Protein backbone atom coordinates (compact mmCIF):
# COMPACT_ATOMS: atom_id res chain seq x y z
CA UNK A 1 0.00 0.00 0.00
CA UNK A 2 1.26 3.45 -0.79
CA UNK A 3 -0.07 6.83 0.24
CA UNK A 4 1.22 10.36 -0.06
CA UNK A 5 0.72 13.75 1.57
CA UNK A 6 1.79 17.02 -0.05
CA UNK A 7 3.76 19.14 2.45
CA UNK A 8 5.25 22.61 2.45
CA UNK A 9 2.70 23.30 -0.30
CA UNK A 10 3.30 26.61 -2.07
CA UNK A 11 0.97 27.33 -5.02
CA UNK A 12 2.49 30.44 -6.59
CA UNK A 13 0.57 32.69 -9.02
CA UNK A 14 2.35 34.06 -12.12
CA UNK A 15 2.76 37.40 -10.28
CA UNK A 16 4.64 35.60 -7.45
CA UNK A 17 1.85 35.77 -4.85
CA UNK A 18 0.82 32.69 -2.88
CA UNK A 19 -2.62 31.17 -3.61
CA UNK A 20 -4.76 29.50 -0.92
CA UNK A 21 -7.53 27.10 -1.98
CA UNK A 22 -10.38 27.33 0.55
CA UNK A 23 -9.66 25.65 3.89
CA UNK A 24 -7.14 23.22 2.43
CA UNK A 25 -4.84 21.99 5.22
CA UNK A 26 -1.14 22.76 5.07
CA UNK A 27 1.33 20.28 6.57
CA UNK A 28 5.04 20.51 7.18
CA UNK A 29 7.10 17.39 6.45
CA UNK A 30 7.31 16.67 10.19
CA UNK A 31 3.53 17.09 10.65
CA UNK A 32 2.82 14.76 7.72
CA UNK A 33 5.13 12.06 9.09
CA UNK A 34 3.55 12.40 12.54
CA UNK A 35 0.03 12.13 11.05
CA UNK A 36 0.97 9.03 9.02
CA UNK A 37 2.49 7.42 12.12
CA UNK A 38 -0.68 8.26 14.10
CA UNK A 39 -2.88 6.67 11.43
CA UNK A 40 -0.71 3.73 10.38
CA UNK A 41 1.66 3.07 13.26
CA UNK A 42 5.23 1.95 12.69
CA UNK A 43 4.37 -0.31 9.76
CA UNK A 44 6.08 0.82 6.57
CA UNK A 45 8.47 3.65 5.87
CA UNK A 46 8.37 7.18 4.49
CA UNK A 47 10.40 8.91 1.83
CA UNK A 48 10.33 12.49 0.60
CA UNK A 49 10.16 13.74 -2.97
CA UNK A 50 10.31 17.35 -4.17
CA UNK A 51 7.69 18.13 -6.81
CA UNK A 52 7.32 21.18 -9.05
CA UNK A 53 4.46 21.24 -11.55
CA UNK A 54 3.36 23.88 -14.01
CA UNK A 55 -0.40 24.37 -13.56
CA UNK A 56 -0.80 27.42 -15.78
CA UNK A 57 -3.97 26.03 -17.39
CA UNK A 58 -5.69 25.89 -13.97
CA UNK A 59 -8.07 28.59 -12.78
CA UNK A 60 -6.30 30.47 -11.28
CA UNK A 61 -3.00 29.51 -12.94
CA UNK A 62 -0.15 28.58 -10.57
CA UNK A 63 3.10 26.69 -10.09
CA UNK A 64 2.82 23.77 -7.65
CA UNK A 65 5.85 23.51 -5.35
CA UNK A 66 5.79 20.84 -2.65
CA UNK A 67 7.65 18.13 -0.83
CA UNK A 68 5.58 14.95 -1.06
CA UNK A 69 5.84 12.50 1.84
CA UNK A 70 5.32 8.97 0.51
CA UNK A 71 4.34 6.13 2.82
CA UNK A 72 4.97 2.58 1.69
CA UNK A 73 4.03 -0.36 3.84
CA UNK A 74 1.68 -3.19 4.61
CA UNK A 75 -1.11 -3.08 7.19
CA UNK A 76 -1.98 -6.56 8.45
CA UNK A 77 -5.51 -7.95 8.31
CA UNK A 78 -4.62 -10.05 11.40
CA UNK A 79 -5.17 -13.19 9.25
CA UNK A 80 -1.85 -14.78 8.15
CA UNK A 81 -3.38 -16.65 5.19
CA UNK A 82 -5.16 -13.55 3.88
CA UNK A 83 -2.03 -11.41 4.45
CA UNK A 84 0.02 -13.95 2.49
CA UNK A 85 -2.47 -13.82 -0.40
CA UNK A 86 -2.46 -10.00 -0.37
CA UNK A 87 1.34 -9.78 -0.48
CA UNK A 88 1.46 -12.18 -3.43
CA UNK A 89 -1.22 -10.15 -5.29
CA UNK A 90 0.49 -6.79 -4.65
CA UNK A 91 4.10 -7.91 -4.83
CA UNK A 92 4.84 -6.46 -1.37
CA UNK A 93 6.60 -8.31 1.38
CA UNK A 94 5.35 -8.45 4.96
PDB file of N, CA and C in Angstrom:
ATOM      1  N   UNK A   1       0.838  -1.166   0.000  1.00  0.00           N
ATOM      2  CA  UNK A   1       0.000   0.000   0.000  1.00  0.00           C
ATOM      3  C   UNK A   1       0.882   1.226   0.000  1.00  0.00           C
ATOM      4  N   UNK A   2       0.487   2.219  -0.751  1.00  0.00           N
ATOM      5  CA  UNK A   2       1.262   3.447  -0.795  1.00  0.00           C
ATOM      6  C   UNK A   2       0.319   4.627  -0.669  1.00  0.00           C
ATOM      7  N   UNK A   3       0.712   5.619   0.092  1.00  0.00           N
ATOM      8  CA  UNK A   3      -0.072   6.831   0.244  1.00  0.00           C
ATOM      9  C   UNK A   3       0.885   7.997   0.229  1.00  0.00           C
ATOM     10  N   UNK A   4       0.350   9.196  -0.024  1.00  0.00           N
ATOM     11  CA  UNK A   4       1.223  10.360  -0.056  1.00  0.00           C
ATOM     12  C   UNK A   4       0.491  11.576   0.469  1.00  0.00           C
ATOM     13  N   UNK A   5       1.256  12.500   1.055  1.00  0.00           N
ATOM     14  CA  UNK A   5       0.722  13.745   1.574  1.00  0.00           C
ATOM     15  C   UNK A   5       1.599  14.882   1.061  1.00  0.00           C
ATOM     16  N   UNK A   6       1.006  15.849   0.333  1.00  0.00           N
ATOM     17  CA  UNK A   6       1.794  17.024  -0.054  1.00  0.00           C
ATOM     18  C   UNK A   6       2.114  17.859   1.190  1.00  0.00           C
ATOM     19  N   UNK A   7       3.349  18.312   1.312  1.00  0.00           N
ATOM     20  CA  UNK A   7       3.757  19.141   2.446  1.00  0.00           C
ATOM     21  C   UNK A   7       4.450  20.383   1.927  1.00  0.00           C
ATOM     22  N   UNK A   8       4.598  21.355   2.816  1.00  0.00           N
ATOM     23  CA  UNK A   8       5.253  22.609   2.446  1.00  0.00           C
ATOM     24  C   UNK A   8       4.714  23.107   1.107  1.00  0.00           C
ATOM     25  N   UNK A   9       3.408  22.985   0.937  1.00  0.00           N
ATOM     26  CA  UNK A   9       2.702  23.296  -0.300  1.00  0.00           C
ATOM     27  C   UNK A   9       2.755  24.793  -0.559  1.00  0.00           C
ATOM     28  N   UNK A  10       3.211  25.192  -1.727  1.00  0.00           N
ATOM     29  CA  UNK A  10       3.298  26.605  -2.070  1.00  0.00           C
ATOM     30  C   UNK A  10       2.799  26.824  -3.502  1.00  0.00           C
ATOM     31  N   UNK A  11       1.473  26.994  -3.684  1.00  0.00           N
ATOM     32  CA  UNK A  11       0.972  27.331  -5.017  1.00  0.00           C
ATOM     33  C   UNK A  11       1.247  28.805  -5.288  1.00  0.00           C
ATOM     34  N   UNK A  12       2.053  29.080  -6.304  1.00  0.00           N
ATOM     35  CA  UNK A  12       2.489  30.441  -6.587  1.00  0.00           C
ATOM     36  C   UNK A  12       1.876  30.923  -7.897  1.00  0.00           C
ATOM     37  N   UNK A  13       1.182  32.081  -7.837  1.00  0.00           N
ATOM     38  CA  UNK A  13       0.572  32.693  -9.022  1.00  0.00           C
ATOM     39  C   UNK A  13       1.665  33.259  -9.925  1.00  0.00           C
ATOM     40  N   UNK A  14       1.354  33.500 -11.213  1.00  0.00           N
ATOM     41  CA  UNK A  14       2.352  34.063 -12.124  1.00  0.00           C
ATOM     42  C   UNK A  14       2.969  35.372 -11.622  1.00  0.00           C
ATOM     43  N   UNK A  15       2.218  36.137 -10.804  1.00  0.00           N
ATOM     44  CA  UNK A  15       2.762  37.402 -10.280  1.00  0.00           C
ATOM     45  C   UNK A  15       3.625  37.191  -9.036  1.00  0.00           C
ATOM     46  N   UNK A  16       3.796  35.915  -8.603  1.00  0.00           N
ATOM     47  CA  UNK A  16       4.638  35.604  -7.454  1.00  0.00           C
ATOM     48  C   UNK A  16       3.900  35.521  -6.129  1.00  0.00           C
ATOM     49  N   UNK A  17       2.611  35.844  -6.105  1.00  0.00           N
ATOM     50  CA  UNK A  17       1.853  35.774  -4.849  1.00  0.00           C
ATOM     51  C   UNK A  17       1.428  34.334  -4.570  1.00  0.00           C
ATOM     52  N   UNK A  18       1.270  34.014  -3.280  1.00  0.00           N
ATOM     53  CA  UNK A  18       0.816  32.687  -2.880  1.00  0.00           C
ATOM     54  C   UNK A  18      -0.704  32.594  -3.039  1.00  0.00           C
ATOM     55  N   UNK A  19      -1.195  31.421  -3.435  1.00  0.00           N
ATOM     56  CA  UNK A  19      -2.619  31.172  -3.609  1.00  0.00           C
ATOM     57  C   UNK A  19      -3.064  30.188  -2.546  1.00  0.00           C
ATOM     58  N   UNK A  20      -4.196  30.440  -1.892  1.00  0.00           N
ATOM     59  CA  UNK A  20      -4.763  29.498  -0.920  1.00  0.00           C
ATOM     60  C   UNK A  20      -6.099  29.027  -1.464  1.00  0.00           C
ATOM     61  N   UNK A  21      -6.308  27.706  -1.475  1.00  0.00           N
ATOM     62  CA  UNK A  21      -7.528  27.103  -1.976  1.00  0.00           C
ATOM     63  C   UNK A  21      -8.442  26.754  -0.807  1.00  0.00           C
ATOM     64  N   UNK A  22      -9.407  27.608  -0.507  1.00  0.00           N
ATOM     65  CA  UNK A  22     -10.379  27.335   0.553  1.00  0.00           C
ATOM     66  C   UNK A  22      -9.718  27.057   1.887  1.00  0.00           C
ATOM     67  N   UNK A  23     -10.202  26.034   2.580  1.00  0.00           N
ATOM     68  CA  UNK A  23      -9.662  25.651   3.888  1.00  0.00           C
ATOM     69  C   UNK A  23      -8.717  24.463   3.787  1.00  0.00           C
ATOM     70  N   UNK A  24      -8.058  24.335   2.656  1.00  0.00           N
ATOM     71  CA  UNK A  24      -7.145  23.222   2.430  1.00  0.00           C
ATOM     72  C   UNK A  24      -6.066  23.204   3.512  1.00  0.00           C
ATOM     73  N   UNK A  25      -5.845  22.039   4.158  1.00  0.00           N
ATOM     74  CA  UNK A  25      -4.835  21.990   5.223  1.00  0.00           C
ATOM     75  C   UNK A  25      -3.418  22.083   4.658  1.00  0.00           C
ATOM     76  N   UNK A  26      -2.544  22.683   5.423  1.00  0.00           N
ATOM     77  CA  UNK A  26      -1.137  22.756   5.070  1.00  0.00           C
ATOM     78  C   UNK A  26      -0.351  21.990   6.114  1.00  0.00           C
ATOM     79  N   UNK A  27       0.515  21.074   5.670  1.00  0.00           N
ATOM     80  CA  UNK A  27       1.332  20.275   6.574  1.00  0.00           C
ATOM     81  C   UNK A  27       2.801  20.528   6.296  1.00  0.00           C
ATOM     82  N   UNK A  28       3.595  20.555   7.357  1.00  0.00           N
ATOM     83  CA  UNK A  28       5.043  20.509   7.175  1.00  0.00           C
ATOM     84  C   UNK A  28       5.410  19.038   6.993  1.00  0.00           C
ATOM     85  N   UNK A  29       6.638  18.770   6.588  1.00  0.00           N
ATOM     86  CA  UNK A  29       7.099  17.387   6.445  1.00  0.00           C
ATOM     87  C   UNK A  29       6.965  16.654   7.779  1.00  0.00           C
ATOM     88  N   UNK A  30       7.384  17.299   8.868  1.00  0.00           N
ATOM     89  CA  UNK A  30       7.310  16.666  10.193  1.00  0.00           C
ATOM     90  C   UNK A  30       5.861  16.376  10.586  1.00  0.00           C
ATOM     91  N   UNK A  31       4.943  17.314  10.324  1.00  0.00           N
ATOM     92  CA  UNK A  31       3.534  17.090  10.648  1.00  0.00           C
ATOM     93  C   UNK A  31       2.959  15.929   9.841  1.00  0.00           C
ATOM     94  N   UNK A  32       3.318  15.846   8.567  1.00  0.00           N
ATOM     95  CA  UNK A  32       2.818  14.757   7.718  1.00  0.00           C
ATOM     96  C   UNK A  32       3.311  13.409   8.223  1.00  0.00           C
ATOM     97  N   UNK A  33       4.579  13.323   8.573  1.00  0.00           N
ATOM     98  CA  UNK A  33       5.130  12.064   9.089  1.00  0.00           C
ATOM     99  C   UNK A  33       4.463  11.683  10.411  1.00  0.00           C
ATOM    100  N   UNK A  34       4.236  12.675  11.277  1.00  0.00           N
ATOM    101  CA  UNK A  34       3.548  12.399  12.545  1.00  0.00           C
ATOM    102  C   UNK A  34       2.128  11.912  12.298  1.00  0.00           C
ATOM    103  N   UNK A  35       1.418  12.519  11.351  1.00  0.00           N
ATOM    104  CA  UNK A  35       0.031  12.127  11.047  1.00  0.00           C
ATOM    105  C   UNK A  35      -0.011  10.706  10.484  1.00  0.00           C
ATOM    106  N   UNK A  36       0.907  10.380   9.580  1.00  0.00           N
ATOM    107  CA  UNK A  36       0.966   9.030   9.025  1.00  0.00           C
ATOM    108  C   UNK A  36       1.255   8.006  10.119  1.00  0.00           C
ATOM    109  N   UNK A  37       2.167   8.342  11.019  1.00  0.00           N
ATOM    110  CA  UNK A  37       2.493   7.421  12.123  1.00  0.00           C
ATOM    111  C   UNK A  37       1.271   7.237  13.021  1.00  0.00           C
ATOM    112  N   UNK A  38       0.535   8.330  13.280  1.00  0.00           N
ATOM    113  CA  UNK A  38      -0.675   8.262  14.098  1.00  0.00           C
ATOM    114  C   UNK A  38      -1.720   7.344  13.457  1.00  0.00           C
ATOM    115  N   UNK A  39      -1.879   7.454  12.138  1.00  0.00           N
ATOM    116  CA  UNK A  39      -2.882   6.672  11.428  1.00  0.00           C
ATOM    117  C   UNK A  39      -2.450   5.233  11.164  1.00  0.00           C
ATOM    118  N   UNK A  40      -1.166   5.030  10.867  1.00  0.00           N
ATOM    119  CA  UNK A  40      -0.711   3.727  10.381  1.00  0.00           C
ATOM    120  C   UNK A  40       0.284   3.029  11.293  1.00  0.00           C
ATOM    121  N   UNK A  41       0.703   3.682  12.351  1.00  0.00           N
ATOM    122  CA  UNK A  41       1.660   3.075  13.265  1.00  0.00           C
ATOM    123  C   UNK A  41       3.059   3.019  12.661  1.00  0.00           C
ATOM    124  N   UNK A  42       3.848   2.073  13.136  1.00  0.00           N
ATOM    125  CA  UNK A  42       5.233   1.954  12.687  1.00  0.00           C
ATOM    126  C   UNK A  42       5.397   1.021  11.493  1.00  0.00           C
ATOM    127  N   UNK A  43       4.288   0.572  10.924  1.00  0.00           N
ATOM    128  CA  UNK A  43       4.371  -0.312   9.759  1.00  0.00           C
ATOM    129  C   UNK A  43       4.714   0.511   8.522  1.00  0.00           C
ATOM    130  N   UNK A  44       5.717   0.122   7.789  1.00  0.00           N
ATOM    131  CA  UNK A  44       6.079   0.825   6.571  1.00  0.00           C
ATOM    132  C   UNK A  44       7.143   1.874   6.819  1.00  0.00           C
ATOM    133  N   UNK A  45       7.468   2.600   5.760  1.00  0.00           N
ATOM    134  CA  UNK A  45       8.467   3.654   5.870  1.00  0.00           C
ATOM    135  C   UNK A  45       8.056   4.847   5.013  1.00  0.00           C
ATOM    136  N   UNK A  46       8.679   5.975   5.260  1.00  0.00           N
ATOM    137  CA  UNK A  46       8.373   7.179   4.491  1.00  0.00           C
ATOM    138  C   UNK A  46       9.598   7.631   3.724  1.00  0.00           C
ATOM    139  N   UNK A  47       9.358   8.243   2.599  1.00  0.00           N
ATOM    140  CA  UNK A  47      10.397   8.905   1.827  1.00  0.00           C
ATOM    141  C   UNK A  47       9.849  10.265   1.411  1.00  0.00           C
ATOM    142  N   UNK A  48      10.731  11.145   1.011  1.00  0.00           N
ATOM    143  CA  UNK A  48      10.334  12.487   0.595  1.00  0.00           C
ATOM    144  C   UNK A  48      10.733  12.711  -0.856  1.00  0.00           C
ATOM    145  N   UNK A  49       9.892  13.450  -1.563  1.00  0.00           N
ATOM    146  CA  UNK A  49      10.160  13.743  -2.970  1.00  0.00           C
ATOM    147  C   UNK A  49       9.732  15.181  -3.254  1.00  0.00           C
ATOM    148  N   UNK A  50      10.648  15.985  -3.785  1.00  0.00           N
ATOM    149  CA  UNK A  50      10.308  17.354  -4.167  1.00  0.00           C
ATOM    150  C   UNK A  50       9.596  17.338  -5.514  1.00  0.00           C
ATOM    151  N   UNK A  51       8.508  18.097  -5.597  1.00  0.00           N
ATOM    152  CA  UNK A  51       7.695  18.128  -6.809  1.00  0.00           C
ATOM    153  C   UNK A  51       7.455  19.582  -7.205  1.00  0.00           C
ATOM    154  N   UNK A  52       7.666  19.876  -8.479  1.00  0.00           N
ATOM    155  CA  UNK A  52       7.319  21.177  -9.047  1.00  0.00           C
ATOM    156  C   UNK A  52       6.521  20.895 -10.309  1.00  0.00           C
ATOM    157  N   UNK A  53       5.307  21.448 -10.381  1.00  0.00           N
ATOM    158  CA  UNK A  53       4.463  21.238 -11.550  1.00  0.00           C
ATOM    159  C   UNK A  53       3.949  22.573 -12.063  1.00  0.00           C
ATOM    160  N   UNK A  54       3.913  22.703 -13.364  1.00  0.00           N
ATOM    161  CA  UNK A  54       3.363  23.884 -14.011  1.00  0.00           C
ATOM    162  C   UNK A  54       1.861  23.667 -14.182  1.00  0.00           C
ATOM    163  N   UNK A  55       1.064  24.478 -13.494  1.00  0.00           N
ATOM    164  CA  UNK A  55      -0.400  24.367 -13.558  1.00  0.00           C
ATOM    165  C   UNK A  55      -0.987  25.651 -14.146  1.00  0.00           C
ATOM    166  N   UNK A  56      -0.392  26.146 -15.216  1.00  0.00           N
ATOM    167  CA  UNK A  56      -0.802  27.419 -15.784  1.00  0.00           C
ATOM    168  C   UNK A  56      -2.142  27.356 -16.507  1.00  0.00           C
ATOM    169  N   UNK A  57      -2.649  26.146 -16.765  1.00  0.00           N
ATOM    170  CA  UNK A  57      -3.973  26.027 -17.388  1.00  0.00           C
ATOM    171  C   UNK A  57      -5.084  25.950 -16.339  1.00  0.00           C
ATOM    172  N   UNK A  58      -4.708  25.930 -15.061  1.00  0.00           N
ATOM    173  CA  UNK A  58      -5.691  25.890 -13.972  1.00  0.00           C
ATOM    174  C   UNK A  58      -6.343  27.267 -13.824  1.00  0.00           C
ATOM    175  N   UNK A  59      -7.416  27.321 -13.041  1.00  0.00           N
ATOM    176  CA  UNK A  59      -8.072  28.595 -12.778  1.00  0.00           C
ATOM    177  C   UNK A  59      -8.148  28.788 -11.273  1.00  0.00           C
ATOM    178  N   UNK A  60      -7.305  29.613 -10.656  1.00  0.00           N
ATOM    179  CA  UNK A  60      -6.299  30.473 -11.279  1.00  0.00           C
ATOM    180  C   UNK A  60      -5.027  29.692 -11.616  1.00  0.00           C
ATOM    181  N   UNK A  61      -4.260  30.185 -12.579  1.00  0.00           N
ATOM    182  CA  UNK A  61      -3.003  29.508 -12.939  1.00  0.00           C
ATOM    183  C   UNK A  61      -1.985  29.614 -11.798  1.00  0.00           C
ATOM    184  N   UNK A  62      -1.172  28.554 -11.627  1.00  0.00           N
ATOM    185  CA  UNK A  62      -0.155  28.576 -10.572  1.00  0.00           C
ATOM    186  C   UNK A  62       0.928  27.550 -10.854  1.00  0.00           C
ATOM    187  N   UNK A  63       2.037  27.692 -10.131  1.00  0.00           N
ATOM    188  CA  UNK A  63       3.101  26.689 -10.091  1.00  0.00           C
ATOM    189  C   UNK A  63       2.935  25.943  -8.774  1.00  0.00           C
ATOM    190  N   UNK A  64       2.953  24.613  -8.830  1.00  0.00           N
ATOM    191  CA  UNK A  64       2.821  23.767  -7.652  1.00  0.00           C
ATOM    192  C   UNK A  64       4.217  23.407  -7.171  1.00  0.00           C
ATOM    193  N   UNK A  65       4.573  23.840  -5.978  1.00  0.00           N
ATOM    194  CA  UNK A  65       5.852  23.506  -5.347  1.00  0.00           C
ATOM    195  C   UNK A  65       5.549  22.793  -4.041  1.00  0.00           C
ATOM    196  N   UNK A  66       6.089  21.594  -3.853  1.00  0.00           N
ATOM    197  CA  UNK A  66       5.792  20.841  -2.647  1.00  0.00           C
ATOM    198  C   UNK A  66       6.842  19.768  -2.413  1.00  0.00           C
ATOM    199  N   UNK A  67       6.918  19.344  -1.167  1.00  0.00           N
ATOM    200  CA  UNK A  67       7.652  18.131  -0.832  1.00  0.00           C
ATOM    201  C   UNK A  67       6.588  17.095  -0.513  1.00  0.00           C
ATOM    202  N   UNK A  68       6.560  16.012  -1.258  1.00  0.00           N
ATOM    203  CA  UNK A  68       5.580  14.952  -1.059  1.00  0.00           C
ATOM    204  C   UNK A  68       6.179  13.922  -0.106  1.00  0.00           C
ATOM    205  N   UNK A  69       5.427  13.574   0.939  1.00  0.00           N
ATOM    206  CA  UNK A  69       5.840  12.502   1.840  1.00  0.00           C
ATOM    207  C   UNK A  69       5.108  11.243   1.389  1.00  0.00           C
ATOM    208  N   UNK A  70       5.874  10.251   0.962  1.00  0.00           N
ATOM    209  CA  UNK A  70       5.316   8.972   0.509  1.00  0.00           C
ATOM    210  C   UNK A  70       5.423   7.952   1.630  1.00  0.00           C
ATOM    211  N   UNK A  71       4.342   7.217   1.848  1.00  0.00           N
ATOM    212  CA  UNK A  71       4.343   6.133   2.822  1.00  0.00           C
ATOM    213  C   UNK A  71       4.183   4.839   2.059  1.00  0.00           C
ATOM    214  N   UNK A  72       5.043   3.883   2.337  1.00  0.00           N
ATOM    215  CA  UNK A  72       4.971   2.580   1.691  1.00  0.00           C
ATOM    216  C   UNK A  72       5.040   1.517   2.775  1.00  0.00           C
ATOM    217  N   UNK A  73       4.036   0.672   2.816  1.00  0.00           N
ATOM    218  CA  UNK A  73       4.028  -0.361   3.843  1.00  0.00           C
ATOM    219  C   UNK A  73       2.877  -1.315   3.665  1.00  0.00           C
ATOM    220  N   UNK A  74       2.720  -2.178   4.650  1.00  0.00           N
ATOM    221  CA  UNK A  74       1.676  -3.187   4.615  1.00  0.00           C
ATOM    222  C   UNK A  74       0.972  -3.197   5.957  1.00  0.00           C
ATOM    223  N   UNK A  75      -0.322  -3.036   5.953  1.00  0.00           N
ATOM    224  CA  UNK A  75      -1.109  -3.083   7.188  1.00  0.00           C
ATOM    225  C   UNK A  75      -1.769  -4.453   7.254  1.00  0.00           C
ATOM    226  N   UNK A  76      -1.490  -5.189   8.291  1.00  0.00           N
ATOM    227  CA  UNK A  76      -1.978  -6.565   8.447  1.00  0.00           C
ATOM    228  C   UNK A  76      -3.487  -6.610   8.623  1.00  0.00           C
ATOM    229  N   UNK A  77      -4.084  -7.692   8.104  1.00  0.00           N
ATOM    230  CA  UNK A  77      -5.508  -7.954   8.312  1.00  0.00           C
ATOM    231  C   UNK A  77      -5.719  -8.794   9.567  1.00  0.00           C
ATOM    232  N   UNK A  78      -4.610  -9.173  10.224  1.00  0.00           N
ATOM    233  CA  UNK A  78      -4.625 -10.054  11.402  1.00  0.00           C
ATOM    234  C   UNK A  78      -4.911 -11.510  11.021  1.00  0.00           C
ATOM    235  N   UNK A  79      -4.939 -11.822   9.729  1.00  0.00           N
ATOM    236  CA  UNK A  79      -5.168 -13.194   9.247  1.00  0.00           C
ATOM    237  C   UNK A  79      -3.963 -13.558   8.376  1.00  0.00           C
ATOM    238  N   UNK A  80      -3.094 -14.458   8.858  1.00  0.00           N
ATOM    239  CA  UNK A  80      -1.849 -14.778   8.151  1.00  0.00           C
ATOM    240  C   UNK A  80      -2.075 -15.280   6.730  1.00  0.00           C
ATOM    241  N   UNK A  81      -3.101 -16.117   6.518  1.00  0.00           N
ATOM    242  CA  UNK A  81      -3.377 -16.650   5.186  1.00  0.00           C
ATOM    243  C   UNK A  81      -3.789 -15.516   4.251  1.00  0.00           C
ATOM    244  N   UNK A  82      -4.699 -14.678   4.699  1.00  0.00           N
ATOM    245  CA  UNK A  82      -5.160 -13.551   3.878  1.00  0.00           C
ATOM    246  C   UNK A  82      -4.005 -12.583   3.607  1.00  0.00           C
ATOM    247  N   UNK A  83      -3.185 -12.278   4.639  1.00  0.00           N
ATOM    248  CA  UNK A  83      -2.028 -11.411   4.452  1.00  0.00           C
ATOM    249  C   UNK A  83      -1.094 -11.975   3.398  1.00  0.00           C
ATOM    250  N   UNK A  84      -0.849 -13.291   3.449  1.00  0.00           N
ATOM    251  CA  UNK A  84       0.021 -13.947   2.485  1.00  0.00           C
ATOM    252  C   UNK A  84      -0.535 -13.793   1.070  1.00  0.00           C
ATOM    253  N   UNK A  85      -1.842 -13.976   0.915  1.00  0.00           N
ATOM    254  CA  UNK A  85      -2.471 -13.818  -0.400  1.00  0.00           C
ATOM    255  C   UNK A  85      -2.367 -12.385  -0.885  1.00  0.00           C
ATOM    256  N   UNK A  86      -2.541 -11.415   0.011  1.00  0.00           N
ATOM    257  CA  UNK A  86      -2.461 -10.002  -0.367  1.00  0.00           C
ATOM    258  C   UNK A  86      -1.054  -9.624  -0.809  1.00  0.00           C
ATOM    259  N   UNK A  87      -0.030 -10.140  -0.116  1.00  0.00           N
ATOM    260  CA  UNK A  87       1.337  -9.778  -0.483  1.00  0.00           C
ATOM    261  C   UNK A  87       1.707 -10.401  -1.816  1.00  0.00           C
ATOM    262  N   UNK A  88       1.181 -11.568  -2.122  1.00  0.00           N
ATOM    263  CA  UNK A  88       1.457 -12.179  -3.427  1.00  0.00           C
ATOM    264  C   UNK A  88       0.775 -11.352  -4.530  1.00  0.00           C
ATOM    265  N   UNK A  89      -0.488 -10.934  -4.303  1.00  0.00           N
ATOM    266  CA  UNK A  89      -1.221 -10.149  -5.294  1.00  0.00           C
ATOM    267  C   UNK A  89      -0.574  -8.798  -5.546  1.00  0.00           C
ATOM    268  N   UNK A  90      -0.039  -8.138  -4.498  1.00  0.00           N
ATOM    269  CA  UNK A  90       0.488  -6.790  -4.648  1.00  0.00           C
ATOM    270  C   UNK A  90       1.986  -6.761  -4.890  1.00  0.00           C
ATOM    271  N   UNK A  91       2.660  -7.879  -4.655  1.00  0.00           N
ATOM    272  CA  UNK A  91       4.102  -7.909  -4.832  1.00  0.00           C
ATOM    273  C   UNK A  91       4.862  -7.339  -3.657  1.00  0.00           C
ATOM    274  N   UNK A  92       4.180  -6.999  -2.572  1.00  0.00           N
ATOM    275  CA  UNK A  92       4.844  -6.463  -1.372  1.00  0.00           C
ATOM    276  C   UNK A  92       5.260  -7.598  -0.455  1.00  0.00           C
ATOM    277  N   UNK A  93       6.217  -7.318   0.388  1.00  0.00           N
ATOM    278  CA  UNK A  93       6.603  -8.314   1.383  1.00  0.00           C
ATOM    279  C   UNK A  93       6.114  -7.832   2.744  1.00  0.00           C
ATOM    280  N   UNK A  94       5.855  -8.793   3.611  1.00  0.00           N
ATOM    281  CA  UNK A  94       5.349  -8.450   4.960  1.00  0.00           C
ATOM    282  C   UNK A  94       6.509  -8.156   5.859  1.00  0.00           C
TER     283      UNK A  94
END
